[in-house]
Protein backbone atom coordinates (compact mmCIF):
# COMPACT_ATOMS: atom_id res chain seq x y z
CA MET A 1 -12.95 -25.13 2.52
CA THR A 2 -15.22 -25.75 -0.49
CA ASN A 3 -18.83 -26.47 0.34
CA GLU A 4 -19.81 -29.94 -0.84
CA ALA A 5 -22.69 -28.54 -2.90
CA GLU A 6 -20.21 -26.31 -4.76
CA LYS A 7 -17.83 -29.09 -5.78
CA PRO A 8 -17.64 -30.13 -9.45
CA GLY A 9 -20.25 -32.77 -10.19
CA ALA A 10 -22.30 -32.07 -7.06
CA ARG A 11 -25.02 -30.16 -8.89
CA GLY A 12 -25.34 -32.99 -11.37
CA PHE A 13 -25.84 -35.46 -8.54
CA PHE A 14 -28.49 -33.29 -6.88
CA LYS A 15 -30.31 -33.02 -10.22
CA ARG A 16 -30.32 -36.82 -10.56
CA LEU A 17 -31.46 -37.13 -6.94
CA ARG A 18 -34.48 -34.96 -7.67
CA ALA A 19 -35.25 -36.98 -10.79
CA LYS A 20 -34.95 -40.38 -9.10
CA LEU A 21 -36.08 -39.94 -5.49
CA ASN A 22 -39.73 -40.52 -4.66
CA VAL A 23 -40.59 -41.86 -8.12
CA GLY A 24 -43.69 -44.01 -8.50
CA PRO A 25 -46.82 -44.33 -6.37
CA ALA A 26 -45.33 -42.79 -3.23
CA TRP A 27 -47.25 -40.32 -1.11
CA LEU A 28 -45.24 -37.26 -2.04
CA THR A 29 -45.82 -37.65 -5.77
CA THR A 30 -49.46 -36.78 -5.06
CA ASP A 31 -49.81 -33.04 -5.28
CA ILE A 32 -50.28 -31.69 -1.78
CA LYS A 33 -52.42 -28.97 -3.33
CA ASP A 34 -55.06 -31.67 -3.86
CA LEU A 35 -55.51 -31.57 -0.10
CA LEU A 36 -56.34 -27.89 -0.20
CA PRO A 37 -59.22 -26.97 -2.50
CA ILE A 38 -59.57 -23.23 -3.06
CA GLY A 39 -60.86 -21.53 0.05
CA ARG A 40 -60.22 -24.42 2.43
CA LYS A 41 -58.18 -23.60 5.49
CA ILE A 42 -55.42 -25.78 6.86
CA ASP A 43 -57.13 -27.61 9.68
CA ALA A 44 -56.91 -30.78 11.80
CA ASP A 45 -58.25 -32.97 8.98
CA ILE A 46 -55.57 -31.75 6.58
CA LEU A 47 -52.86 -32.44 9.14
CA ASP A 48 -54.30 -35.89 9.88
CA GLU A 49 -54.10 -36.71 6.18
CA LEU A 50 -50.54 -35.44 6.06
CA GLU A 51 -49.70 -37.57 9.09
CA THR A 52 -51.00 -40.66 7.29
CA ARG A 53 -48.91 -39.86 4.24
CA LEU A 54 -45.77 -39.40 6.31
CA ILE A 55 -46.20 -42.76 8.04
CA THR A 56 -46.95 -44.45 4.72
CA ALA A 57 -43.70 -42.97 3.39
CA ASP A 58 -41.65 -44.78 6.07
CA VAL A 59 -40.94 -41.60 8.04
CA GLY A 60 -41.74 -43.56 11.22
CA MET A 61 -43.80 -42.60 14.25
CA GLU A 62 -41.12 -40.63 16.13
CA ALA A 63 -40.20 -38.35 13.24
CA THR A 64 -43.82 -38.02 12.10
CA THR A 65 -44.94 -37.02 15.59
CA ARG A 66 -42.19 -34.42 15.80
CA ILE A 67 -43.10 -32.96 12.39
CA LEU A 68 -46.83 -32.85 13.11
CA GLU A 69 -46.34 -31.22 16.52
CA ASP A 70 -44.42 -28.45 14.80
CA LEU A 71 -47.11 -28.00 12.13
CA ARG A 72 -49.93 -27.97 14.70
CA ARG A 73 -48.15 -25.25 16.67
CA ARG A 74 -47.88 -23.18 13.51
CA VAL A 75 -51.57 -23.72 12.69
CA ALA A 76 -52.49 -22.61 16.21
CA ARG A 77 -50.48 -19.43 15.65
CA LYS A 78 -52.24 -18.96 12.27
CA GLU A 79 -48.90 -19.11 10.43
CA LEU A 80 -50.06 -21.54 7.74
CA GLY A 81 -52.49 -19.70 5.52
CA ASP A 82 -51.90 -21.50 2.22
CA VAL A 83 -50.28 -24.54 0.61
CA GLU A 84 -46.96 -22.73 0.07
CA ALA A 85 -46.78 -21.96 3.78
CA LEU A 86 -47.60 -25.58 4.58
CA LEU A 87 -44.87 -26.88 2.27
CA GLY A 88 -42.41 -24.39 3.71
CA ALA A 89 -43.21 -25.46 7.26
CA LEU A 90 -43.00 -29.14 6.33
CA SER A 91 -39.63 -28.54 4.70
CA SER A 92 -38.36 -26.69 7.78
CA ALA A 93 -39.53 -29.46 10.13
CA MET A 94 -37.76 -32.09 8.02
CA LEU A 95 -34.58 -30.04 7.87
CA GLU A 96 -34.53 -29.76 11.66
CA ILE A 97 -34.34 -33.56 11.80
CA LEU A 98 -31.85 -34.04 8.96
CA LYS A 99 -29.42 -31.13 9.37
CA PRO A 100 -27.72 -32.62 12.47
CA VAL A 101 -26.84 -35.82 10.57
CA GLU A 102 -25.51 -33.98 7.52
CA ARG A 103 -21.88 -34.73 8.30
CA PRO A 104 -19.69 -35.80 5.36
CA LEU A 105 -16.96 -38.38 5.80
CA ALA A 106 -13.76 -36.60 6.82
CA ILE A 107 -10.53 -38.50 6.20
CA ASP A 108 -7.85 -37.43 8.67
CA PRO A 109 -4.66 -37.05 6.57
CA ALA A 110 -2.57 -37.56 9.71
CA ILE A 111 -3.82 -41.17 9.94
CA LYS A 112 -2.31 -43.57 7.39
CA PRO A 113 -3.93 -45.77 6.48
CA TYR A 114 -7.35 -44.46 7.44
CA VAL A 115 -9.36 -47.66 7.87
CA ILE A 116 -13.02 -47.81 6.79
CA LEU A 117 -14.87 -50.97 7.80
CA VAL A 118 -17.97 -51.44 5.63
CA VAL A 119 -20.79 -53.48 7.17
CA GLY A 120 -24.40 -54.38 6.42
CA ILE A 121 -26.58 -57.25 5.32
CA ASN A 122 -26.39 -59.07 1.99
CA GLY A 123 -28.11 -57.18 -0.79
CA ALA A 124 -27.76 -53.73 0.76
CA GLY A 125 -25.12 -52.71 -1.77
CA LYS A 126 -21.87 -52.97 0.22
CA THR A 127 -19.63 -54.02 -2.66
CA THR A 128 -21.00 -51.36 -5.00
CA THR A 129 -20.66 -48.75 -2.27
CA ILE A 130 -17.02 -49.71 -1.73
CA GLY A 131 -16.30 -49.40 -5.45
CA LYS A 132 -17.97 -45.99 -5.70
CA LEU A 133 -16.32 -44.73 -2.51
CA ALA A 134 -12.91 -45.84 -3.79
CA HIS A 135 -13.58 -43.97 -7.04
CA ARG A 136 -14.51 -40.84 -5.08
CA LEU A 137 -11.42 -40.98 -2.85
CA LEU A 138 -9.15 -41.47 -5.86
CA ALA A 139 -10.72 -38.41 -7.50
CA GLU A 140 -9.77 -36.46 -4.35
CA GLY A 141 -6.15 -37.47 -4.87
CA ARG A 142 -5.91 -40.19 -2.24
CA THR A 143 -4.41 -43.64 -2.59
CA VAL A 144 -6.75 -46.54 -1.80
CA MET A 145 -6.49 -50.25 -1.07
CA LEU A 146 -9.33 -52.75 -0.70
CA ALA A 147 -9.51 -55.77 1.63
CA ALA A 148 -11.85 -58.63 0.70
CA GLY A 149 -13.13 -59.51 4.18
CA ASP A 150 -16.29 -61.21 2.87
CA THR A 151 -14.86 -64.71 2.60
CA PHE A 152 -18.22 -66.51 2.91
CA ARG A 153 -20.45 -65.34 0.08
CA ALA A 154 -19.83 -66.96 -3.27
CA ALA A 155 -18.24 -64.54 -5.73
CA ALA A 156 -17.85 -61.76 -3.13
CA LYS A 157 -14.07 -61.64 -3.64
CA GLU A 158 -14.50 -61.70 -7.42
CA GLN A 159 -16.99 -58.84 -7.38
CA LEU A 160 -14.73 -56.71 -5.21
CA THR A 161 -11.78 -57.57 -7.47
CA ILE A 162 -13.71 -56.24 -10.46
CA TRP A 163 -14.15 -52.91 -8.66
CA ALA A 164 -10.46 -52.90 -7.67
CA GLU A 165 -9.46 -53.45 -11.30
CA ARG A 166 -11.93 -50.83 -12.54
CA ASN A 167 -10.49 -48.28 -10.11
CA ARG A 168 -6.93 -49.56 -10.58
CA VAL A 169 -6.34 -50.01 -6.87
CA PRO A 170 -4.65 -52.94 -5.05
CA ILE A 171 -6.74 -55.54 -3.26
CA ILE A 172 -5.83 -57.97 -0.47
CA ALA A 173 -7.76 -61.23 -0.63
CA GLN A 174 -7.48 -64.87 0.45
CA HIS A 175 -9.22 -68.13 -0.37
CA SER A 176 -12.93 -68.68 0.22
CA GLY A 177 -13.65 -69.49 3.87
CA ALA A 178 -10.55 -67.74 5.18
CA GLU A 179 -10.72 -65.98 8.53
CA PRO A 180 -12.15 -62.48 7.79
CA ALA A 181 -10.24 -60.84 10.65
CA ALA A 182 -6.98 -62.27 9.28
CA VAL A 183 -7.67 -60.99 5.76
CA ILE A 184 -8.44 -57.49 6.95
CA PHE A 185 -5.45 -57.53 9.33
CA ASP A 186 -3.24 -58.48 6.36
CA GLY A 187 -4.82 -55.61 4.44
CA LEU A 188 -3.89 -53.15 7.17
CA GLN A 189 -0.31 -54.41 7.25
CA ALA A 190 -0.03 -54.18 3.46
CA ALA A 191 -1.56 -50.70 3.38
CA ARG A 192 0.93 -49.56 6.01
CA ALA A 193 3.86 -51.01 4.12
CA ARG A 194 2.77 -49.28 0.90
CA HIS A 195 1.93 -45.97 2.60
CA ILE A 196 -1.68 -46.14 1.40
CA ASP A 197 -3.98 -43.29 2.46
CA VAL A 198 -7.23 -45.25 2.89
CA LEU A 199 -7.97 -48.94 3.41
CA ILE A 200 -11.58 -49.95 2.71
CA ALA A 201 -12.48 -53.35 4.16
CA ASP A 202 -15.45 -55.38 2.96
CA THR A 203 -17.21 -57.74 5.39
CA ALA A 204 -19.64 -60.61 5.02
CA GLY A 205 -23.26 -59.56 4.83
CA ARG A 206 -25.18 -60.66 7.86
CA LEU A 207 -28.54 -60.17 9.47
CA HIS A 208 -28.32 -57.99 12.54
CA THR A 209 -30.10 -60.79 14.45
CA GLN A 210 -27.34 -63.33 13.78
CA THR A 211 -25.35 -63.05 16.98
CA HIS A 212 -22.39 -65.22 15.93
CA LEU A 213 -21.88 -63.18 12.78
CA MET A 214 -22.06 -59.91 14.69
CA ASP A 215 -19.44 -61.39 17.01
CA GLU A 216 -17.25 -61.98 13.96
CA LEU A 217 -17.40 -58.26 13.15
CA LYS A 218 -16.47 -57.41 16.73
CA LYS A 219 -13.49 -59.74 16.35
CA VAL A 220 -12.40 -57.87 13.21
CA LYS A 221 -12.42 -54.63 15.22
CA ARG A 222 -10.40 -56.20 18.04
CA VAL A 223 -7.79 -57.63 15.67
CA LEU A 224 -7.37 -54.34 13.83
CA ALA A 225 -6.88 -52.55 17.15
CA ARG A 226 -3.82 -54.71 17.85
CA LEU A 227 -2.00 -53.02 14.98
CA ASP A 228 -3.66 -49.61 15.27
CA PRO A 229 -5.60 -48.82 18.48
CA GLY A 230 -7.72 -46.30 16.56
CA ALA A 231 -8.75 -48.68 13.78
CA PRO A 232 -11.24 -48.91 12.27
CA HIS A 233 -11.51 -45.16 12.05
CA GLU A 234 -14.92 -45.37 10.40
CA VAL A 235 -17.56 -48.09 10.71
CA LEU A 236 -19.73 -47.44 7.68
CA LEU A 237 -23.13 -49.16 7.67
CA VAL A 238 -24.79 -49.62 4.27
CA LEU A 239 -28.59 -49.69 4.39
CA ASP A 240 -31.06 -50.55 1.63
CA GLY A 241 -33.45 -47.60 1.38
CA THR A 242 -36.26 -49.76 -0.01
CA ILE A 243 -36.83 -51.86 3.12
CA GLY A 244 -38.54 -49.19 5.20
CA GLN A 245 -38.61 -49.58 8.97
CA ASN A 246 -36.43 -52.71 8.76
CA ALA A 247 -33.58 -50.34 7.94
CA VAL A 248 -34.16 -48.59 11.27
CA ALA A 249 -34.02 -51.93 13.10
CA GLN A 250 -30.82 -52.88 11.29
CA ALA A 251 -29.16 -49.55 12.06
CA THR A 252 -30.16 -49.83 15.72
CA GLU A 253 -28.67 -53.31 16.16
CA PHE A 254 -25.49 -52.67 14.18
CA HIS A 255 -24.92 -49.48 16.12
CA LYS A 256 -25.48 -51.27 19.41
CA GLY A 257 -23.00 -54.02 18.48
CA LEU A 258 -20.30 -52.10 16.62
CA GLY A 259 -20.63 -48.39 17.27
CA VAL A 260 -21.52 -47.32 13.73
CA THR A 261 -19.95 -43.96 12.87
CA GLY A 262 -21.55 -43.32 9.48
CA LEU A 263 -24.36 -44.45 7.18
CA VAL A 264 -24.81 -44.95 3.47
CA VAL A 265 -28.43 -45.24 2.33
CA THR A 266 -28.65 -46.95 -1.07
CA LYS A 267 -31.32 -47.70 -3.68
CA LEU A 268 -33.19 -44.44 -3.17
CA ASP A 269 -34.16 -44.45 -6.84
CA GLY A 270 -37.31 -45.94 -8.27
CA THR A 271 -39.67 -47.34 -5.66
CA ALA A 272 -37.89 -46.11 -2.56
CA LYS A 273 -39.90 -43.50 -0.69
CA GLY A 274 -36.96 -41.93 1.11
CA GLY A 275 -38.83 -41.24 4.35
CA VAL A 276 -36.80 -43.87 6.17
CA VAL A 277 -33.86 -41.45 6.16
CA LEU A 278 -35.88 -39.18 8.46
CA ALA A 279 -36.82 -42.13 10.68
CA ILE A 280 -33.17 -43.14 11.11
CA ALA A 281 -32.01 -39.57 11.72
CA GLN A 282 -34.67 -38.99 14.37
CA LYS A 283 -34.09 -42.28 16.19
CA LEU A 284 -30.32 -42.65 16.08
CA GLY A 285 -28.70 -39.39 14.99
CA ILE A 286 -25.87 -41.25 13.22
CA PRO A 287 -24.14 -39.16 10.53
CA ILE A 288 -25.41 -39.93 7.02
CA ARG A 289 -22.32 -39.81 4.86
CA PHE A 290 -23.65 -40.76 1.41
CA VAL A 291 -26.79 -41.71 -0.50
CA GLY A 292 -27.05 -43.91 -3.56
CA ILE A 293 -29.62 -43.46 -6.32
CA GLY A 294 -28.52 -46.00 -8.93
CA GLU A 295 -25.86 -48.33 -10.23
CA GLU A 296 -23.62 -45.83 -11.99
CA THR A 297 -20.57 -44.32 -10.29
CA GLU A 298 -22.08 -40.84 -10.50
CA ASP A 299 -25.24 -42.07 -8.73
CA PHE A 300 -23.42 -41.82 -5.40
CA GLY A 301 -23.08 -38.56 -3.55
CA VAL A 302 -22.58 -36.85 -0.22
CA PHE A 303 -25.78 -36.49 1.76
CA ASN A 304 -27.12 -32.93 1.72
CA ALA A 305 -30.16 -32.32 3.92
CA ALA A 306 -31.58 -29.34 2.00
CA GLU A 307 -31.25 -31.04 -1.38
CA PHE A 308 -32.72 -34.26 -0.01
CA VAL A 309 -35.77 -32.50 1.41
CA ALA A 310 -36.23 -30.52 -1.82
CA ALA A 311 -36.15 -33.78 -3.80
CA LEU A 312 -38.53 -35.45 -1.35
CA LEU A 313 -41.06 -32.62 -1.54
CA ARG A 314 -40.47 -31.88 -5.22
CA THR A 315 -39.75 -28.24 -4.42
CA GLU A 316 -37.15 -25.96 -5.94
């Protein structure tokens, strides 16, 4: 099986990730060497400063504490003699957190259609993610159908239709205000009838605190299970990478209510600091399937822990 990093186009995505992640006045753009004037040893003050930077970068208390405990143990063993050793240890500590969630989306070819339910709040990038994911699956030789389950937001169906037309894939949609569970159920029936490989279902954006809307998503899952007890086979939560610790709260509540099986972290270009990915990985351990670093189709790629950490730390 081909390693994801070796696939055509993957290197180009990693190069763009390094160019776009942690851009702007984020903590990691400040040269860590500034912390270590010539001759100064790595001591408690240096680690305290690093701790502050990690928290400021949305890494969160749990992940920061874990990273700093590891670094302090290394300092006590006199393993960190210079800035290169510090960066290497920091990279290793981050990889320990992120490697377990580096699990790409695996479509089981024995399941047709493989149903992916895409959830998240408005503005996180659900519709764009669906369009880019459909493009990716088509490139892998799969057939795809979309279901416009967001029947509440104005223009949601139209925006998804644009992506369906761009990718030249069929879409199942109904009138505004239609029952979302019914639309997605119709999509599953249609995908079955046409022997479609993957059905990607959009849902209305909702705050994780809106109980009645979370109940609507649970209803969608129940209705799908009537036709296929295993559906949805993936509950993909799309998170906006720019909202910091709010993304952790969203992931926690969506996971509690729906059993999220995979994450997409979007908008990691520009002002996003990226540390929130570590916070989510440490707290929840949900597989991170993809990351998004822009609006273009090629700005969407499989999450790779080593490349992500290298981009975050600006190391080669």
